Amino acid sequence: MKTGDQVIVIEDIGDLKKGMRGIIVLSPDQDENDFFNVSIEGVGVYTTFGKHLMIDVEMNKSALQTQEGGTHYKDMKIQPIEFIHANNIPFAEGCIIKYVCRHRSKNGIKDLEKARHFIDLLIELETRDAKS
């Protein structure tokens, strides 16, 4: 455990009750026999042994490690959002990438049709803007 990790109290100890959630505000090192300062939301800062705490896995997950409604992005080596963000790709182009990348694992031809719709929109908007 290290400073900044979100934790759960795993056993009652003084004012700390099992299930309380908090954040490590000071950690001397990685040894569970050392004392840790933990800020418990709405209660205050407490000092306790690391063995009374457990990393809150759900709260420490990256947004890229979780996904609502399936695993079609999370299972990719590089998620479309990572590629799109890293390359500053605009909205319409990003949607095209997203739909093409997921079509085999989510909605098949329907996703390709969505990608084509965004391509058609992009062509229309680019053509209109070029005439202005």
Protein backbone atom coordinates (compact mmCIF):
# COMPACT_ATOMS: atom_id res chain seq x y z
CA MET A 1 0.00 0.00 0.00
CA LYS A 2 1.15 3.49 -0.75
CA THR A 3 0.04 7.06 -0.28
CA GLY A 4 -3.04 7.74 -2.41
CA ASP A 5 -4.34 4.15 -2.45
CA GLN A 6 -7.99 3.78 -1.60
CA VAL A 7 -8.56 1.15 1.07
CA ILE A 8 -11.25 -0.73 2.98
CA VAL A 9 -11.05 -1.47 6.72
CA ILE A 10 -11.20 -5.29 6.99
CA GLU A 11 -11.78 -5.64 10.74
CA ASP A 12 -13.10 -3.49 13.57
CA ILE A 13 -10.28 -1.69 15.36
CA GLY A 14 -11.19 1.11 17.76
CA ASP A 15 -13.26 3.75 15.96
CA LEU A 16 -12.57 2.09 12.60
CA LYS A 17 -15.30 -0.32 11.61
CA LYS A 18 -15.15 -3.12 9.07
CA GLY A 19 -16.25 -1.90 5.64
CA MET A 20 -15.29 1.76 6.11
CA ARG A 21 -13.53 3.20 3.10
CA GLY A 22 -10.66 5.64 3.11
CA ILE A 23 -7.47 6.79 1.46
CA ILE A 24 -3.87 6.34 2.61
CA VAL A 25 -2.52 9.82 3.39
CA LEU A 26 0.87 8.70 4.70
CA SER A 27 2.61 5.36 4.30
CA PRO A 28 6.06 4.68 5.74
CA ASP A 29 6.75 1.75 3.40
CA GLN A 30 5.09 -1.37 1.99
CA ASP A 31 5.12 -3.48 5.23
CA GLU A 32 1.70 -4.33 6.67
CA ASN A 33 3.21 -4.29 10.18
CA ASP A 34 3.91 -0.56 9.83
CA PHE A 35 1.47 2.16 10.78
CA PHE A 36 -0.48 3.94 8.05
CA ASN A 37 -2.37 7.21 8.30
CA VAL A 38 -5.77 6.71 6.72
CA SER A 39 -8.35 9.39 6.03
CA ILE A 40 -11.81 7.87 6.51
CA GLU A 41 -14.45 9.89 4.67
CA GLY A 42 -16.69 11.79 7.05
CA VAL A 43 -14.82 10.48 10.13
CA GLY A 44 -11.25 11.78 10.14
CA VAL A 45 -7.64 10.63 9.92
CA TYR A 46 -6.62 7.52 11.82
CA THR A 47 -3.34 5.71 12.33
CA THR A 48 -3.55 1.92 12.08
CA PHE A 49 -1.53 -1.10 11.09
CA GLY A 50 -1.60 -2.01 7.42
CA LYS A 51 -2.84 -5.49 8.33
CA HIS A 52 -6.21 -3.91 9.24
CA LEU A 53 -6.58 -2.50 5.73
CA MET A 54 -7.08 -3.90 2.27
CA ILE A 55 -6.63 -2.17 -1.07
CA ASP A 56 -10.05 -1.24 -2.46
CA VAL A 57 -9.60 -2.93 -5.83
CA GLU A 58 -12.77 -1.49 -7.37
CA MET A 59 -11.93 2.10 -6.39
CA ASN A 60 -8.31 1.83 -7.59
CA LYS A 61 -9.18 0.46 -11.04
CA SER A 62 -8.37 2.56 -14.03
CA ALA A 63 -11.35 3.56 -16.17
CA LEU A 64 -9.64 1.63 -18.98
CA GLN A 65 -9.87 -1.54 -16.87
CA THR A 66 -13.63 -1.32 -16.53
CA GLN A 67 -16.37 -1.20 -19.12
CA GLU A 68 -20.12 -0.79 -19.01
CA GLY A 69 -22.05 -3.22 -21.18
CA GLY A 70 -19.57 -5.88 -22.25
CA THR A 71 -15.86 -6.36 -22.83
CA HIS A 72 -15.56 -5.54 -26.54
CA TYR A 73 -13.20 -2.59 -25.86
CA LYS A 74 -11.50 -3.78 -22.69
CA ASP A 75 -10.35 -7.00 -24.41
CA MET A 76 -8.44 -5.05 -27.09
CA LYS A 77 -4.67 -4.55 -26.80
CA ILE A 78 -5.20 -0.84 -27.50
CA GLN A 79 -8.66 0.53 -26.88
CA PRO A 80 -10.10 2.88 -29.49
CA ILE A 81 -10.38 5.68 -26.92
CA GLU A 82 -6.63 5.44 -26.18
CA PHE A 83 -5.76 5.66 -29.89
CA ILE A 84 -8.28 8.43 -30.55
CA HIS A 85 -7.13 10.49 -27.57
CA ALA A 86 -3.39 10.02 -28.21
CA ASN A 87 -3.81 11.19 -31.80
CA ASN A 88 -6.24 14.09 -31.11
CA ILE A 89 -8.76 12.60 -33.52
CA PRO A 90 -12.01 14.60 -33.83
CA PHE A 91 -15.44 13.22 -32.90
CA ALA A 92 -16.72 11.88 -36.24
CA GLU A 93 -13.43 10.17 -37.11
CA GLY A 94 -13.28 8.74 -33.58
CA CYS A 95 -16.75 7.25 -33.97
CA ILE A 96 -15.70 5.62 -37.25
CA ILE A 97 -12.67 4.05 -35.55
CA LYS A 98 -14.78 2.91 -32.59
CA TYR A 99 -17.44 1.20 -34.71
CA VAL A 100 -14.97 -0.47 -37.08
CA CYS A 101 -12.87 -1.76 -34.17
CA ARG A 102 -15.78 -3.31 -32.28
CA HIS A 103 -17.92 -4.70 -35.12
CA ARG A 104 -16.62 -8.30 -34.83
CA SER A 105 -17.23 -8.53 -31.10
CA LYS A 106 -20.39 -6.48 -30.68
CA ASN A 107 -22.96 -5.63 -33.38
CA GLY A 108 -21.46 -6.98 -36.62
CA ILE A 109 -22.79 -5.38 -39.79
CA LYS A 110 -24.86 -2.89 -37.75
CA ASP A 111 -21.64 -1.33 -36.40
CA LEU A 112 -20.18 -1.15 -39.93
CA GLU A 113 -23.36 0.62 -41.05
CA LYS A 114 -22.92 3.09 -38.17
CA ALA A 115 -19.31 3.67 -39.26
CA ARG A 116 -20.48 4.24 -42.84
CA HIS A 117 -23.09 6.72 -41.59
CA PHE A 118 -20.36 8.72 -39.85
CA ILE A 119 -18.23 8.58 -42.99
CA ASP A 120 -21.20 9.93 -44.99
CA LEU A 121 -21.74 12.68 -42.39
CA LEU A 122 -18.07 13.59 -42.48
CA ILE A 123 -18.03 13.75 -46.30
CA GLU A 124 -21.14 15.94 -46.28
CA LEU A 125 -19.77 18.30 -43.65
CA GLU A 126 -16.30 18.51 -45.21
CA THR A 127 -17.83 19.15 -48.65
CA ARG A 128 -20.13 21.84 -47.24
CA ASP A 129 -17.27 23.50 -45.36
CA ALA A 130 -15.06 23.46 -48.48
CA LYS A 131 -17.73 25.41 -50.40
CA SER A 132 -18.00 28.10 -47.72
